[in-house]
Amino acid sequence: MFASNTDQLFYILQHKRPHLSETDEHVIKAVFGHLAKGAEDQTGLCKDKFGNRFFTIHGDPKLPKVIWACHSDTVHREHQNM
């Protein structure tokens, strides 16, 4: 669907995504919907049995292990304009 990671990022940032909104669900499905539960794609993006998406980053084993997590929704309310 996206020609590049930049196109994908711009697509994500162009939408208000209030919590539990149809827009948030649409963006999640458009960007991450290709993954079945328990699957991994060619970029390393995984989806667990609960539907959470994450990347496994394999690096130097001497470095600390760090997790980065975020929400897909934004802080907008339905009535706010972008």
N, C-alpha and C. Protein backbone atom coordinates (compact mmCIF):
# COMPACT_ATOMS: atom_id res chain seq x y z
N MET A 1 0.82 -1.20 0.00
CA MET A 1 0.00 0.00 0.00
C MET A 1 0.86 1.26 0.00
N PHE A 2 2.01 1.21 0.65
CA PHE A 2 2.87 2.39 0.76
C PHE A 2 4.14 2.19 -0.05
N ALA A 3 4.54 3.23 -0.78
CA ALA A 3 5.75 3.15 -1.60
C ALA A 3 7.02 3.18 -0.76
N SER A 4 6.95 3.82 0.41
CA SER A 4 8.14 3.93 1.26
C SER A 4 7.71 4.08 2.71
N ASN A 5 8.67 3.96 3.61
CA ASN A 5 8.40 4.20 5.04
C ASN A 5 7.98 5.64 5.27
N THR A 6 8.53 6.56 4.49
CA THR A 6 8.16 7.97 4.61
C THR A 6 6.70 8.17 4.24
N ASP A 7 6.25 7.54 3.16
CA ASP A 7 4.84 7.62 2.78
C ASP A 7 3.95 7.06 3.87
N GLN A 8 4.38 5.96 4.47
CA GLN A 8 3.62 5.35 5.55
C GLN A 8 3.53 6.29 6.75
N LEU A 9 4.64 6.90 7.13
CA LEU A 9 4.64 7.84 8.25
C LEU A 9 3.75 9.04 7.97
N PHE A 10 3.83 9.61 6.78
CA PHE A 10 2.98 10.74 6.43
C PHE A 10 1.50 10.35 6.49
N TYR A 11 1.18 9.15 6.04
CA TYR A 11 -0.21 8.68 6.10
C TYR A 11 -0.69 8.64 7.55
N ILE A 12 0.14 8.09 8.43
CA ILE A 12 -0.23 8.00 9.85
C ILE A 12 -0.43 9.39 10.45
N LEU A 13 0.46 10.31 10.14
CA LEU A 13 0.43 11.64 10.75
C LEU A 13 -0.66 12.55 10.19
N GLN A 14 -1.26 12.19 9.07
CA GLN A 14 -2.30 13.02 8.46
C GLN A 14 -3.67 12.84 9.10
N HIS A 15 -3.82 11.88 9.99
CA HIS A 15 -5.13 11.56 10.54
C HIS A 15 -5.21 11.81 12.04
N LYS A 16 -6.30 12.46 12.47
CA LYS A 16 -6.62 12.48 13.89
C LYS A 16 -7.09 11.08 14.24
N ARG A 17 -6.64 10.58 15.37
CA ARG A 17 -7.00 9.22 15.75
C ARG A 17 -7.45 9.18 17.21
N PRO A 18 -8.62 9.77 17.53
CA PRO A 18 -9.09 9.72 18.92
C PRO A 18 -9.23 8.27 19.39
N HIS A 19 -9.05 8.08 20.69
CA HIS A 19 -9.11 6.75 21.30
C HIS A 19 -10.41 6.04 20.92
N LEU A 20 -10.27 4.78 20.49
CA LEU A 20 -11.39 3.91 20.11
C LEU A 20 -12.23 4.47 18.95
N SER A 21 -11.65 5.35 18.16
CA SER A 21 -12.40 5.92 17.03
C SER A 21 -12.29 5.03 15.79
N GLU A 22 -13.20 5.26 14.85
CA GLU A 22 -13.14 4.55 13.57
C GLU A 22 -11.86 4.90 12.82
N THR A 23 -11.42 6.16 12.95
CA THR A 23 -10.19 6.58 12.27
C THR A 23 -8.98 5.84 12.81
N ASP A 24 -8.91 5.67 14.12
CA ASP A 24 -7.79 4.94 14.70
C ASP A 24 -7.79 3.50 14.20
N GLU A 25 -8.94 2.86 14.19
CA GLU A 25 -9.03 1.49 13.69
C GLU A 25 -8.66 1.41 12.21
N HIS A 26 -9.08 2.41 11.43
CA HIS A 26 -8.76 2.44 10.00
C HIS A 26 -7.24 2.51 9.78
N VAL A 27 -6.58 3.41 10.50
CA VAL A 27 -5.13 3.57 10.34
C VAL A 27 -4.41 2.30 10.80
N ILE A 28 -4.82 1.71 11.89
CA ILE A 28 -4.21 0.46 12.37
C ILE A 28 -4.33 -0.62 11.30
N LYS A 29 -5.52 -0.77 10.72
CA LYS A 29 -5.72 -1.80 9.70
C LYS A 29 -4.93 -1.48 8.43
N ALA A 30 -4.87 -0.20 8.04
CA ALA A 30 -4.15 0.17 6.82
C ALA A 30 -2.65 -0.04 6.96
N VAL A 31 -2.11 0.24 8.13
CA VAL A 31 -0.67 0.18 8.32
C VAL A 31 -0.22 -1.21 8.82
N PHE A 32 -0.97 -1.79 9.74
CA PHE A 32 -0.55 -3.04 10.38
C PHE A 32 -1.48 -4.22 10.12
N GLY A 33 -2.53 -4.01 9.36
CA GLY A 33 -3.56 -5.02 9.19
C GLY A 33 -3.14 -6.27 8.44
N HIS A 34 -2.00 -6.23 7.79
CA HIS A 34 -1.54 -7.38 7.00
C HIS A 34 -1.03 -8.53 7.85
N LEU A 35 -0.91 -8.33 9.14
CA LEU A 35 -0.35 -9.37 10.00
C LEU A 35 -1.43 -10.20 10.66
N ALA A 36 -1.29 -11.51 10.57
CA ALA A 36 -2.15 -12.40 11.34
C ALA A 36 -1.57 -12.52 12.75
N LYS A 37 -2.41 -12.87 13.72
CA LYS A 37 -1.91 -13.03 15.09
C LYS A 37 -0.82 -14.09 15.12
N GLY A 38 0.26 -13.77 15.82
CA GLY A 38 1.39 -14.67 15.92
C GLY A 38 2.33 -14.61 14.73
N ALA A 39 2.12 -13.67 13.81
CA ALA A 39 2.92 -13.59 12.59
C ALA A 39 4.01 -12.53 12.69
N GLU A 40 4.93 -12.58 11.74
CA GLU A 40 5.99 -11.59 11.63
C GLU A 40 6.16 -11.27 10.15
N ASP A 41 6.35 -9.99 9.81
CA ASP A 41 6.57 -9.64 8.41
C ASP A 41 8.05 -9.48 8.11
N GLN A 42 8.37 -9.09 6.88
CA GLN A 42 9.77 -9.00 6.44
C GLN A 42 10.55 -7.90 7.16
N THR A 43 9.88 -6.93 7.79
CA THR A 43 10.58 -5.87 8.50
C THR A 43 10.88 -6.23 9.95
N GLY A 44 10.32 -7.36 10.42
CA GLY A 44 10.48 -7.75 11.82
C GLY A 44 9.30 -7.37 12.69
N LEU A 45 8.27 -6.75 12.08
CA LEU A 45 7.07 -6.39 12.82
C LEU A 45 6.31 -7.67 13.17
N CYS A 46 5.98 -7.83 14.45
CA CYS A 46 5.28 -9.02 14.94
C CYS A 46 3.94 -8.62 15.53
N LYS A 47 3.06 -9.60 15.62
CA LYS A 47 1.75 -9.39 16.25
C LYS A 47 1.52 -10.57 17.18
N ASP A 48 1.28 -10.28 18.47
CA ASP A 48 1.08 -11.36 19.44
C ASP A 48 -0.37 -11.84 19.42
N LYS A 49 -0.68 -12.81 20.27
CA LYS A 49 -2.02 -13.40 20.28
C LYS A 49 -3.09 -12.42 20.77
N PHE A 50 -2.68 -11.30 21.35
CA PHE A 50 -3.64 -10.29 21.81
C PHE A 50 -3.85 -9.18 20.78
N GLY A 51 -3.07 -9.20 19.69
CA GLY A 51 -3.18 -8.18 18.67
C GLY A 51 -2.21 -7.03 18.81
N ASN A 52 -1.34 -7.06 19.84
CA ASN A 52 -0.33 -6.02 20.02
C ASN A 52 0.74 -6.18 18.95
N ARG A 53 1.22 -5.06 18.41
CA ARG A 53 2.29 -5.10 17.42
C ARG A 53 3.60 -4.67 18.05
N PHE A 54 4.70 -5.28 17.63
CA PHE A 54 6.01 -4.93 18.18
C PHE A 54 7.10 -5.36 17.21
N PHE A 55 8.26 -4.75 17.36
CA PHE A 55 9.44 -5.13 16.60
C PHE A 55 10.42 -5.81 17.54
N THR A 56 11.04 -6.85 17.06
CA THR A 56 12.14 -7.46 17.79
C THR A 56 13.42 -6.96 17.14
N ILE A 57 14.22 -6.27 17.92
CA ILE A 57 15.46 -5.69 17.40
C ILE A 57 16.62 -6.49 17.96
N HIS A 58 17.36 -7.12 17.07
CA HIS A 58 18.50 -7.93 17.47
C HIS A 58 19.75 -7.07 17.34
N GLY A 59 20.38 -6.85 18.45
CA GLY A 59 21.58 -6.02 18.45
C GLY A 59 22.70 -6.66 19.24
N ASP A 60 23.56 -5.83 19.71
CA ASP A 60 24.70 -6.27 20.49
C ASP A 60 24.21 -6.85 21.83
N PRO A 61 24.49 -8.11 22.13
CA PRO A 61 24.00 -8.71 23.37
C PRO A 61 24.59 -8.06 24.62
N LYS A 62 25.66 -7.29 24.47
CA LYS A 62 26.26 -6.61 25.63
C LYS A 62 25.49 -5.34 26.00
N LEU A 63 24.67 -4.84 25.08
CA LEU A 63 23.90 -3.63 25.35
C LEU A 63 22.64 -3.98 26.14
N PRO A 64 22.11 -3.02 26.91
CA PRO A 64 20.89 -3.29 27.67
C PRO A 64 19.70 -3.54 26.73
N LYS A 65 18.76 -4.33 27.21
CA LYS A 65 17.54 -4.59 26.45
C LYS A 65 16.54 -3.48 26.77
N VAL A 66 15.99 -2.88 25.74
CA VAL A 66 15.08 -1.75 25.91
C VAL A 66 13.81 -2.02 25.12
N ILE A 67 12.67 -1.67 25.70
CA ILE A 67 11.41 -1.75 24.96
C ILE A 67 10.89 -0.33 24.76
N TRP A 68 10.39 -0.09 23.57
CA TRP A 68 9.76 1.18 23.26
C TRP A 68 8.32 0.86 22.89
N ALA A 69 7.38 1.54 23.50
CA ALA A 69 5.97 1.28 23.24
C ALA A 69 5.25 2.61 23.04
N CYS A 70 4.17 2.56 22.28
CA CYS A 70 3.39 3.78 22.06
C CYS A 70 1.94 3.41 21.80
N HIS A 71 1.10 4.40 21.83
CA HIS A 71 -0.31 4.25 21.50
C HIS A 71 -0.52 4.65 20.06
N SER A 72 -1.49 4.06 19.41
CA SER A 72 -1.79 4.45 18.02
C SER A 72 -2.73 5.65 17.97
N ASP A 73 -3.45 5.91 19.06
CA ASP A 73 -4.38 7.04 19.04
C ASP A 73 -3.65 8.34 19.37
N THR A 74 -4.30 9.44 19.04
CA THR A 74 -3.76 10.77 19.32
C THR A 74 -4.56 11.42 20.43
N VAL A 75 -4.17 12.62 20.82
CA VAL A 75 -4.85 13.30 21.92
C VAL A 75 -6.02 14.15 21.43
N HIS A 76 -6.37 14.04 20.17
CA HIS A 76 -7.48 14.82 19.62
C HIS A 76 -8.82 14.31 20.11
N ARG A 77 -9.74 15.23 20.22
CA ARG A 77 -11.14 14.87 20.44
C ARG A 77 -11.82 14.90 19.09
N GLU A 78 -12.94 14.24 18.98
CA GLU A 78 -13.66 14.14 17.70
C GLU A 78 -13.93 15.51 17.07
N HIS A 79 -14.23 16.53 17.88
CA HIS A 79 -14.66 17.81 17.34
C HIS A 79 -13.49 18.75 16.99
N GLN A 80 -12.28 18.38 17.31
CA GLN A 80 -11.14 19.26 17.02
C GLN A 80 -10.73 19.15 15.55
N ASN A 81 -10.29 20.28 15.01
CA ASN A 81 -9.76 20.29 13.65
C ASN A 81 -8.25 20.16 13.69
N MET A 82 -7.68 19.63 12.63
CA MET A 82 -6.23 19.50 12.54
C MET A 82 -5.66 20.77 11.98
